[in-house]
Amino acid sequence: MTRAVVVPSTSLPASARARSRGFPYRAVSWLTPVAVLALWELLARLGILPKQVLPAPSGVLAKAGDLLADGELVTNLLASLQRSATGFAIGASLGVALGLLVGLSKVAEALLDRSIQMVRAVPFLAILPLVIVWFGIGEAGKIFLISLGSAVPLYLTTVLGIRQIDPKLLEMTDVVGLGRAAQIRWVVLPGALPSILGGLRLSLTAAWLALVIAETLGADAGLGFMATNAREFLQTDVIVLVVIIYAVIGILCDLVTRLLERRLLRWHPTYARLTA
């Protein structure tokens, strides 16, 4: 008669974690886009991808070198970065502030949430004519659109993060006699921080999407301006270059957000276990 061997449940997660550590996640995450670029280059050189439709990465890189040499790429990139940084700073600050206000106050929720949800449902292109009427085709309209795109995701995730805080923690702060400001500082903000940082990623993405639309408002510089001009002259390589620049900036923003998560959420037991 055989005896059943009982495996302690605690050993299974440990072994699973050990196996997962053996897989090169980080290397694979970088090798995958490299493999896509290599396949793209091969298909372009074989003529399967026509140059007019999708030029080879080497051709796009050569065009980038030409634009760097005459300073056009740097000028337009800096213009876009300045617009997006200004709009994002305004929108992110406003989104977090409104999220805290609505998350902590039922009165503020009644006054603001419905209107913000209505604004969220309106596409950027639908309000573009109105923005032109309000601000003209100057920088103010572009920054307004970027700010609007940045504010909404952070507003939503901030409210969500506050509402997911354990009510017992808030009750404990009342028991120990913490004031409202101390309660927000030591319980509300740390508890909502994982959700806020998740919203930061969405907000950065929305900022760049808004930038693309904003730079169609009669811009005289910027990546969107470059792409629009390239479309008029059928310069596919320039259009692809702009798309790649957007993608690279998106990756860099994601890396910065991940670094913030590692630094600001080291105290969080769940996050520490997942990133160990």
C-alpha atoms as a PDB file:
ATOM      1  CA  MET A   1       0.000   0.000   0.000  1.00  0.00           C
ATOM      2  CA  THR A   2       1.503   3.276  -1.099  1.00  0.00           C
ATOM      3  CA  ARG A   3       1.386   6.341   1.037  1.00  0.00           C
ATOM      4  CA  ALA A   4       0.404   9.670  -0.422  1.00  0.00           C
ATOM      5  CA  VAL A   5       3.102  12.236  -0.275  1.00  0.00           C
ATOM      6  CA  VAL A   6       1.793  15.591   0.873  1.00  0.00           C
ATOM      7  CA  VAL A   7       3.713  18.492  -0.558  1.00  0.00           C
ATOM      8  CA  PRO A   8       3.613  21.600   1.601  1.00  0.00           C
ATOM      9  CA  SER A   9       1.703  24.353  -0.160  1.00  0.00           C
ATOM     10  CA  THR A  10       4.381  26.845   0.682  1.00  0.00           C
ATOM     11  CA  SER A  11       6.937  24.995  -1.465  1.00  0.00           C
ATOM     12  CA  LEU A  12       4.915  25.374  -4.670  1.00  0.00           C
ATOM     13  CA  PRO A  13       5.000  29.167  -4.889  1.00  0.00           C
ATOM     14  CA  ALA A  14       8.701  29.102  -4.019  1.00  0.00           C
ATOM     15  CA  SER A  15       9.492  26.649  -6.809  1.00  0.00           C
ATOM     16  CA  ALA A  16       7.341  28.623  -9.225  1.00  0.00           C
ATOM     17  CA  ARG A  17       9.223  31.747  -8.294  1.00  0.00           C
ATOM     18  CA  ALA A  18      12.521  29.947  -8.760  1.00  0.00           C
ATOM     19  CA  ARG A  19      11.539  28.803 -12.247  1.00  0.00           C
ATOM     20  CA  SER A  20      10.310  32.277 -13.174  1.00  0.00           C
ATOM     21  CA  ARG A  21      13.616  33.792 -12.086  1.00  0.00           C
ATOM     22  CA  GLY A  22      15.395  31.533 -14.556  1.00  0.00           C
ATOM     23  CA  PHE A  23      13.542  33.038 -17.522  1.00  0.00           C
ATOM     24  CA  PRO A  24      15.312  36.111 -19.032  1.00  0.00           C
ATOM     25  CA  TYR A  25      12.281  38.399 -19.019  1.00  0.00           C
ATOM     26  CA  ARG A  26      14.239  41.603 -19.430  1.00  0.00           C
ATOM     27  CA  ALA A  27      16.390  40.298 -22.281  1.00  0.00           C
ATOM     28  CA  VAL A  28      13.337  38.965 -24.116  1.00  0.00           C
ATOM     29  CA  SER A  29      11.483  42.267 -23.672  1.00  0.00           C
ATOM     30  CA  TRP A  30      14.315  44.064 -25.501  1.00  0.00           C
ATOM     31  CA  LEU A  31      15.095  41.343 -28.041  1.00  0.00           C
ATOM     32  CA  THR A  32      11.503  41.190 -29.296  1.00  0.00           C
ATOM     33  CA  PRO A  33      11.457  44.716 -30.827  1.00  0.00           C
ATOM     34  CA  VAL A  34      14.965  44.137 -32.185  1.00  0.00           C
ATOM     35  CA  ALA A  35      13.715  40.991 -33.929  1.00  0.00           C
ATOM     36  CA  VAL A  36      10.774  42.934 -35.367  1.00  0.00           C
ATOM     37  CA  LEU A  37      13.158  45.568 -36.755  1.00  0.00           C
ATOM     38  CA  ALA A  38      15.388  42.878 -38.268  1.00  0.00           C
ATOM     39  CA  LEU A  39      12.408  41.221 -39.953  1.00  0.00           C
ATOM     40  CA  TRP A  40      11.211  44.604 -41.201  1.00  0.00           C
ATOM     41  CA  GLU A  41      14.652  45.340 -42.679  1.00  0.00           C
ATOM     42  CA  LEU A  42      14.770  41.943 -44.369  1.00  0.00           C
ATOM     43  CA  LEU A  43      11.327  42.269 -45.930  1.00  0.00           C
ATOM     44  CA  ALA A  44      12.150  45.760 -47.190  1.00  0.00           C
ATOM     45  CA  ARG A  45      15.448  44.662 -48.751  1.00  0.00           C
ATOM     46  CA  LEU A  46      13.740  41.733 -50.456  1.00  0.00           C
ATOM     47  CA  GLY A  47      11.213  44.130 -51.973  1.00  0.00           C
ATOM     48  CA  ILE A  48       8.250  42.564 -50.200  1.00  0.00           C
ATOM     49  CA  LEU A  49       7.641  45.920 -48.484  1.00  0.00           C
ATOM     50  CA  PRO A  50       7.751  48.685 -51.129  1.00  0.00           C
ATOM     51  CA  LYS A  51       9.743  51.772 -50.187  1.00  0.00           C
ATOM     52  CA  GLN A  52       6.754  54.028 -50.807  1.00  0.00           C
ATOM     53  CA  VAL A  53       4.664  52.006 -48.378  1.00  0.00           C
ATOM     54  CA  LEU A  54       7.158  51.228 -45.595  1.00  0.00           C
ATOM     55  CA  PRO A  55      10.851  52.107 -46.061  1.00  0.00           C
ATOM     56  CA  ALA A  56      13.548  49.971 -44.446  1.00  0.00           C
ATOM     57  CA  PRO A  57      14.767  50.930 -40.948  1.00  0.00           C
ATOM     58  CA  SER A  58      18.211  51.631 -42.429  1.00  0.00           C
ATOM     59  CA  GLY A  59      16.651  54.149 -44.831  1.00  0.00           C
ATOM     60  CA  VAL A  60      14.744  55.801 -41.991  1.00  0.00           C
ATOM     61  CA  LEU A  61      17.950  55.972 -39.960  1.00  0.00           C
ATOM     62  CA  ALA A  62      19.777  57.603 -42.881  1.00  0.00           C
ATOM     63  CA  LYS A  63      16.981  60.188 -43.176  1.00  0.00           C
ATOM     64  CA  ALA A  64      17.244  60.858 -39.447  1.00  0.00           C
ATOM     65  CA  GLY A  65      20.959  61.546 -39.918  1.00  0.00           C
ATOM     66  CA  ASP A  66      20.195  64.073 -42.653  1.00  0.00           C
ATOM     67  CA  LEU A  67      17.595  65.845 -40.523  1.00  0.00           C
ATOM     68  CA  LEU A  68      19.961  65.912 -37.557  1.00  0.00           C
ATOM     69  CA  ALA A  69      22.716  67.383 -39.684  1.00  0.00           C
ATOM     70  CA  ASP A  70      20.614  70.359 -40.783  1.00  0.00           C
ATOM     71  CA  GLY A  71      19.116  70.827 -37.295  1.00  0.00           C
ATOM     72  CA  GLU A  72      15.508  70.327 -38.394  1.00  0.00           C
ATOM     73  CA  LEU A  73      14.924  67.232 -36.280  1.00  0.00           C
ATOM     74  CA  VAL A  74      16.346  68.750 -33.095  1.00  0.00           C
ATOM     75  CA  THR A  75      14.305  71.946 -33.499  1.00  0.00           C
ATOM     76  CA  ASN A  76      11.039  70.091 -34.005  1.00  0.00           C
ATOM     77  CA  LEU A  77      11.743  67.552 -31.268  1.00  0.00           C
ATOM     78  CA  LEU A  78      12.485  70.268 -28.710  1.00  0.00           C
ATOM     79  CA  ALA A  79       9.315  72.143 -29.685  1.00  0.00           C
ATOM     80  CA  SER A  80       7.203  69.018 -29.118  1.00  0.00           C
ATOM     81  CA  LEU A  81       8.921  68.164 -25.849  1.00  0.00           C
ATOM     82  CA  GLN A  82       8.378  71.676 -24.514  1.00  0.00           C
ATOM     83  CA  ARG A  83       4.679  71.620 -25.406  1.00  0.00           C
ATOM     84  CA  SER A  84       4.100  68.173 -23.952  1.00  0.00           C
ATOM     85  CA  ALA A  85       6.040  68.895 -20.751  1.00  0.00           C
ATOM     86  CA  THR A  86       4.140  72.122 -20.100  1.00  0.00           C
ATOM     87  CA  GLY A  87       0.747  70.609 -20.852  1.00  0.00           C
ATOM     88  CA  PHE A  88       1.477  67.468 -18.873  1.00  0.00           C
ATOM     89  CA  ALA A  89       2.634  69.387 -15.806  1.00  0.00           C
ATOM     90  CA  ILE A  90      -0.550  71.447 -15.786  1.00  0.00           C
ATOM     91  CA  GLY A  91      -2.860  68.530 -16.549  1.00  0.00           C
ATOM     92  CA  ALA A  92      -1.260  66.069 -14.121  1.00  0.00           C
ATOM     93  CA  SER A  93      -1.360  68.561 -11.263  1.00  0.00           C
ATOM     94  CA  LEU A  94      -4.986  69.388 -11.976  1.00  0.00           C
ATOM     95  CA  GLY A  95      -5.971  65.724 -12.353  1.00  0.00           C
ATOM     96  CA  VAL A  96      -4.422  64.646  -9.049  1.00  0.00           C
ATOM     97  CA  ALA A  97      -5.842  67.681  -7.213  1.00  0.00           C
ATOM     98  CA  LEU A  98      -9.370  67.078  -8.526  1.00  0.00           C
ATOM     99  CA  GLY A  99      -9.036  63.343  -7.843  1.00  0.00           C
ATOM    100  CA  LEU A 100      -8.101  63.991  -4.217  1.00  0.00           C
ATOM    101  CA  LEU A 101     -10.928  66.467  -3.816  1.00  0.00           C
ATOM    102  CA  VAL A 102     -13.585  64.184  -5.300  1.00  0.00           C
ATOM    103  CA  GLY A 103     -12.201  61.071  -3.607  1.00  0.00           C
ATOM    104  CA  LEU A 104     -12.289  62.676  -0.170  1.00  0.00           C
ATOM    105  CA  SER A 105     -15.507  64.680  -0.403  1.00  0.00           C
ATOM    106  CA  LYS A 106     -19.000  63.537  -1.342  1.00  0.00           C
ATOM    107  CA  VAL A 107     -19.970  67.158  -1.920  1.00  0.00           C
ATOM    108  CA  ALA A 108     -17.115  67.620  -4.396  1.00  0.00           C
ATOM    109  CA  GLU A 109     -18.113  64.373  -6.096  1.00  0.00           C
ATOM    110  CA  ALA A 110     -21.670  65.617  -6.529  1.00  0.00           C
ATOM    111  CA  LEU A 111     -20.470  68.936  -7.916  1.00  0.00           C
ATOM    112  CA  LEU A 112     -17.640  67.795 -10.204  1.00  0.00           C
ATOM    113  CA  ASP A 113     -17.633  64.107 -11.093  1.00  0.00           C
ATOM    114  CA  ARG A 114     -20.558  64.067 -13.505  1.00  0.00           C
ATOM    115  CA  SER A 115     -19.187  67.016 -15.473  1.00  0.00           C
ATOM    116  CA  ILE A 116     -15.689  65.532 -15.648  1.00  0.00           C
ATOM    117  CA  GLN A 117     -17.101  62.222 -16.884  1.00  0.00           C
ATOM    118  CA  MET A 118     -18.956  64.085 -19.623  1.00  0.00           C
ATOM    119  CA  VAL A 119     -15.784  65.857 -20.683  1.00  0.00           C
ATOM    120  CA  ARG A 120     -13.928  62.535 -20.684  1.00  0.00           C
ATOM    121  CA  ALA A 121     -16.426  61.087 -23.149  1.00  0.00           C
ATOM    122  CA  VAL A 122     -15.843  63.842 -25.728  1.00  0.00           C
ATOM    123  CA  PRO A 123     -13.168  62.967 -28.347  1.00  0.00           C
ATOM    124  CA  PHE A 124     -10.324  65.424 -28.933  1.00  0.00           C
ATOM    125  CA  LEU A 125     -11.259  65.906 -32.579  1.00  0.00           C
ATOM    126  CA  ALA A 126     -14.797  66.898 -31.582  1.00  0.00           C
ATOM    127  CA  ILE A 127     -13.602  69.834 -29.481  1.00  0.00           C
ATOM    128  CA  LEU A 128     -10.832  70.879 -31.868  1.00  0.00           C
ATOM    129  CA  PRO A 129     -12.951  73.530 -33.655  1.00  0.00           C
ATOM    130  CA  LEU A 130     -14.018  74.952 -30.300  1.00  0.00           C
ATOM    131  CA  VAL A 131     -10.410  75.126 -29.095  1.00  0.00           C
ATOM    132  CA  ILE A 132      -9.504  77.067 -32.242  1.00  0.00           C
ATOM    133  CA  VAL A 133     -12.333  79.523 -31.531  1.00  0.00           C
ATOM    134  CA  TRP A 134     -11.227  79.925 -27.917  1.00  0.00           C
ATOM    135  CA  PHE A 135      -7.456  80.118 -28.303  1.00  0.00           C
ATOM    136  CA  GLY A 136      -6.760  80.591 -31.997  1.00  0.00           C
ATOM    137  CA  ILE A 137      -3.887  78.596 -33.476  1.00  0.00           C
ATOM    138  CA  GLY A 138      -1.273  79.728 -30.962  1.00  0.00           C
ATOM    139  CA  GLU A 139       0.490  77.722 -28.251  1.00  0.00           C
ATOM    140  CA  ALA A 140      -2.299  78.170 -25.681  1.00  0.00           C
ATOM    141  CA  GLY A 141      -4.696  75.902 -27.584  1.00  0.00           C
ATOM    142  CA  LYS A 142      -2.090  73.176 -27.980  1.00  0.00           C
ATOM    143  CA  ILE A 143      -1.183  73.232 -24.294  1.00  0.00           C
ATOM    144  CA  PHE A 144      -4.877  73.203 -23.372  1.00  0.00           C
ATOM    145  CA  LEU A 145      -5.459  70.000 -25.348  1.00  0.00           C
ATOM    146  CA  ILE A 146      -2.406  68.293 -23.838  1.00  0.00           C
ATOM    147  CA  SER A 147      -3.429  69.373 -20.333  1.00  0.00           C
ATOM    148  CA  LEU A 148      -6.927  68.028 -20.866  1.00  0.00           C
ATOM    149  CA  GLY A 149      -5.607  64.710 -22.133  1.00  0.00           C
ATOM    150  CA  SER A 150      -3.226  64.398 -19.186  1.00  0.00           C
ATOM    151  CA  ALA A 151      -5.686  65.379 -16.464  1.00  0.00           C
ATOM    152  CA  VAL A 152      -8.478  62.867 -17.036  1.00  0.00           C
ATOM    153  CA  PRO A 153      -6.549  59.555 -16.578  1.00  0.00           C
ATOM    154  CA  LEU A 154      -4.880  60.788 -13.393  1.00  0.00           C
ATOM    155  CA  TYR A 155      -8.193  62.086 -12.077  1.00  0.00           C
ATOM    156  CA  LEU A 156      -9.861  58.699 -12.607  1.00  0.00           C
ATOM    157  CA  THR A 157      -7.033  56.625 -11.116  1.00  0.00           C
ATOM    158  CA  THR A 158      -6.617  58.955  -8.134  1.00  0.00           C
ATOM    159  CA  VAL A 159     -10.302  58.671  -7.258  1.00  0.00           C
ATOM    160  CA  LEU A 160     -10.143  54.901  -7.746  1.00  0.00           C
ATOM    161  CA  GLY A 161      -7.038  54.606  -5.568  1.00  0.00           C
ATOM    162  CA  ILE A 162      -8.642  56.548  -2.720  1.00  0.00           C
ATOM    163  CA  ARG A 163     -11.809  54.457  -2.829  1.00  0.00           C
ATOM    164  CA  GLN A 164      -9.798  51.232  -2.656  1.00  0.00           C
ATOM    165  CA  ILE A 165      -8.178  52.189   0.657  1.00  0.00           C
ATOM    166  CA  ASP A 166      -9.201  49.894   3.506  1.00  0.00           C
ATOM    167  CA  PRO A 167     -11.835  51.759   5.581  1.00  0.00           C
ATOM    168  CA  LYS A 168     -10.370  50.212   8.738  1.00  0.00           C
ATOM    169  CA  LEU A 169      -7.187  52.233   8.169  1.00  0.00           C
ATOM    170  CA  LEU A 170      -9.200  55.433   8.064  1.00  0.00           C
ATOM    171  CA  GLU A 171     -11.071  54.405  11.197  1.00  0.00           C
ATOM    172  CA  MET A 172      -7.761  53.769  12.924  1.00  0.00           C
ATOM    173  CA  THR A 173      -6.582  57.303  12.118  1.00  0.00           C
ATOM    174  CA  ASP A 174      -9.734  58.644  13.780  1.00  0.00           C
ATOM    175  CA  VAL A 175      -9.051  56.501  16.843  1.00  0.00           C
ATOM    176  CA  VAL A 176      -5.480  57.765  17.246  1.00  0.00           C
ATOM    177  CA  GLY A 177      -6.624  61.323  16.670  1.00  0.00           C
ATOM    178  CA  LEU A 178      -4.919  62.170  13.375  1.00  0.00           C
ATOM    179  CA  GLY A 179      -6.108  65.372  11.775  1.00  0.00           C
ATOM    180  CA  ARG A 180      -7.355  65.588   8.198  1.00  0.00           C
ATOM    181  CA  ALA A 181      -4.015  66.742   6.795  1.00  0.00           C
ATOM    182  CA  ALA A 182      -2.090  64.003   8.604  1.00  0.00           C
ATOM    183  CA  GLN A 183      -4.645  61.417   7.474  1.00  0.00           C
ATOM    184  CA  ILE A 184      -4.115  62.417   3.849  1.00  0.00           C
ATOM    185  CA  ARG A 185      -0.337  62.499   4.269  1.00  0.00           C
ATOM    186  CA  TRP A 186       0.126  59.148   6.012  1.00  0.00           C
ATOM    187  CA  VAL A 187      -2.812  57.030   4.811  1.00  0.00           C
ATOM    188  CA  VAL A 188      -4.644  58.399   1.780  1.00  0.00           C
ATOM    189  CA  LEU A 189      -1.713  59.321  -0.460  1.00  0.00           C
ATOM    190  CA  PRO A 190       0.353  56.158   0.222  1.00  0.00           C
ATOM    191  CA  GLY A 191      -2.736  53.983  -0.190  1.00  0.00           C
ATOM    192  CA  ALA A 192      -3.690  55.588  -3.491  1.00  0.00           C
ATOM    193  CA  LEU A 193      -0.116  55.803  -4.800  1.00  0.00           C
ATOM    194  CA  PRO A 194      -0.083  52.488  -6.739  1.00  0.00           C
ATOM    195  CA  SER A 195      -3.204  53.545  -8.615  1.00  0.00           C
ATOM    196  CA  ILE A 196      -1.862  57.064  -9.193  1.00  0.00           C
ATOM    197  CA  LEU A 197       1.371  55.709 -10.666  1.00  0.00           C
ATOM    198  CA  GLY A 198      -0.648  53.454 -12.951  1.00  0.00           C
ATOM    199  CA  GLY A 199      -2.587  56.516 -14.041  1.00  0.00           C
ATOM    200  CA  LEU A 200       0.687  58.299 -14.680  1.00  0.00           C
ATOM    201  CA  ARG A 201       1.453  55.864 -17.503  1.00  0.00           C
ATOM    202  CA  LEU A 202      -1.960  56.392 -19.043  1.00  0.00           C
ATOM    203  CA  SER A 203      -1.606  60.129 -18.641  1.00  0.00           C
ATOM    204  CA  LEU A 204       1.762  60.229 -20.411  1.00  0.00           C
ATOM    205  CA  THR A 205       0.303  58.246 -23.293  1.00  0.00           C
ATOM    206  CA  ALA A 206      -2.700  60.549 -23.508  1.00  0.00           C
ATOM    207  CA  ALA A 207      -0.394  63.577 -23.484  1.00  0.00           C
ATOM    208  CA  TRP A 208       1.439  62.342 -26.577  1.00  0.00           C
ATOM    209  CA  LEU A 209      -1.819  61.485 -28.338  1.00  0.00           C
ATOM    210  CA  ALA A 210      -3.096  64.978 -27.591  1.00  0.00           C
ATOM    211  CA  LEU A 211       0.189  66.433 -28.834  1.00  0.00           C
ATOM    212  CA  VAL A 212      -0.254  64.798 -32.242  1.00  0.00           C
ATOM    213  CA  ILE A 213      -3.705  66.365 -32.567  1.00  0.00           C
ATOM    214  CA  ALA A 214      -2.599  69.686 -31.085  1.00  0.00           C
ATOM    215  CA  GLU A 215       0.230  70.100 -33.577  1.00  0.00           C
ATOM    216  CA  THR A 216      -2.286  70.094 -36.426  1.00  0.00           C
ATOM    217  CA  LEU A 217      -3.452  73.519 -35.176  1.00  0.00           C
ATOM    218  CA  GLY A 218      -1.271  75.558 -37.499  1.00  0.00           C
ATOM    219  CA  ALA A 219       1.977  74.606 -35.781  1.00  0.00           C
ATOM    220  CA  ASP A 220       5.188  75.936 -37.311  1.00  0.00           C
ATOM    221  CA  ALA A 221       7.406  73.434 -35.463  1.00  0.00           C
ATOM    222  CA  GLY A 222       7.112  70.059 -33.790  1.00  0.00           C
ATOM    223  CA  LEU A 223       7.000  66.391 -34.646  1.00  0.00           C
ATOM    224  CA  GLY A 224       3.396  66.653 -35.785  1.00  0.00           C
ATOM    225  CA  PHE A 225       4.387  69.546 -38.032  1.00  0.00           C
ATOM    226  CA  MET A 226       7.133  67.371 -39.538  1.00  0.00           C
ATOM    227  CA  ALA A 227       4.710  64.513 -40.176  1.00  0.00           C
ATOM    228  CA  THR A 228       2.120  66.817 -41.756  1.00  0.00           C
ATOM    229  CA  ASN A 229       4.675  68.325 -44.118  1.00  0.00           C
ATOM    230  CA  ALA A 230       6.020  64.873 -44.973  1.00  0.00           C
ATOM    231  CA  ARG A 231       2.512  63.701 -45.851  1.00  0.00           C
ATOM    232  CA  GLU A 232       2.100  66.595 -48.273  1.00  0.00           C
ATOM    233  CA  PHE A 233       5.334  65.659 -50.074  1.00  0.00           C
ATOM    234  CA  LEU A 234       4.842  61.860 -49.754  1.00  0.00           C
ATOM    235  CA  GLN A 235       7.986  61.495 -47.625  1.00  0.00           C
ATOM    236  CA  THR A 236       7.158  58.136 -46.079  1.00  0.00           C
ATOM    237  CA  ASP A 237      10.554  57.854 -44.421  1.00  0.00           C
ATOM    238  CA  VAL A 238       9.992  61.048 -42.452  1.00  0.00           C
ATOM    239  CA  ILE A 239       6.529  59.907 -41.352  1.00  0.00           C
ATOM    240  CA  VAL A 240       7.934  56.569 -40.177  1.00  0.00           C
ATOM    241  CA  LEU A 241      10.755  58.413 -38.397  1.00  0.00           C
ATOM    242  CA  VAL A 242       8.245  60.523 -36.473  1.00  0.00           C
ATOM    243  CA  VAL A 243       6.304  57.391 -35.482  1.00  0.00           C
ATOM    244  CA  ILE A 244       9.520  55.737 -34.261  1.00  0.00           C
ATOM    245  CA  ILE A 245      10.439  58.837 -32.247  1.00  0.00           C
ATOM    246  CA  TYR A 246       7.012  58.747 -30.588  1.00  0.00           C
ATOM    247  CA  ALA A 247       7.555  55.071 -29.773  1.00  0.00           C
ATOM    248  CA  VAL A 248      11.031  55.696 -28.308  1.00  0.00           C
ATOM    249  CA  ILE A 249       9.747  58.556 -26.174  1.00  0.00           C
ATOM    250  CA  GLY A 250       6.914  56.308 -24.988  1.00  0.00           C
ATOM    251  CA  ILE A 251       9.416  53.627 -23.945  1.00  0.00           C
ATOM    252  CA  LEU A 252      11.522  56.191 -22.087  1.00  0.00           C
ATOM    253  CA  CYS A 253       8.450  57.532 -20.273  1.00  0.00           C
ATOM    254  CA  ASP A 254       7.505  53.984 -19.293  1.00  0.00           C
ATOM    255  CA  LEU A 255      11.018  53.332 -17.952  1.00  0.00           C
ATOM    256  CA  VAL A 256      10.889  56.510 -15.876  1.00  0.00           C
ATOM    257  CA  THR A 257       7.507  55.474 -14.478  1.00  0.00           C
ATOM    258  CA  ARG A 258       8.848  52.031 -13.585  1.00  0.00           C
ATOM    259  CA  LEU A 259      11.778  53.609 -11.771  1.00  0.00           C
ATOM    260  CA  LEU A 260       9.347  55.780  -9.816  1.00  0.00           C
ATOM    261  CA  GLU A 261       7.337  52.693  -8.906  1.00  0.00           C
ATOM    262  CA  ARG A 262      10.435  50.870  -7.681  1.00  0.00           C
ATOM    263  CA  ARG A 263      11.478  53.837  -5.574  1.00  0.00           C
ATOM    264  CA  LEU A 264       8.118  54.979  -4.213  1.00  0.00           C
ATOM    265  CA  LEU A 265       6.506  51.567  -3.666  1.00  0.00           C
ATOM    266  CA  ARG A 266       9.335  49.743  -1.942  1.00  0.00           C
ATOM    267  CA  TRP A 267       7.272  49.777   1.248  1.00  0.00           C
ATOM    268  CA  HIS A 268       4.304  48.058  -0.440  1.00  0.00           C
ATOM    269  CA  PRO A 269       4.391  44.312   0.413  1.00  0.00           C
ATOM    270  CA  THR A 270       2.520  43.133  -2.689  1.00  0.00           C
ATOM    271  CA  TYR A 271       4.588  45.217  -5.072  1.00  0.00           C
ATOM    272  CA  ALA A 272       7.833  44.195  -3.384  1.00  0.00           C
ATOM    273  CA  ARG A 273       6.910  40.515  -3.760  1.00  0.00           C
ATOM    274  CA  LEU A 274       6.003  40.872  -7.453  1.00  0.00           C
ATOM    275  CA  THR A 275       9.216  42.727  -8.337  1.00  0.00           C
ATOM    276  CA  ALA A 276      11.544  40.588  -6.208  1.00  0.00           C
END
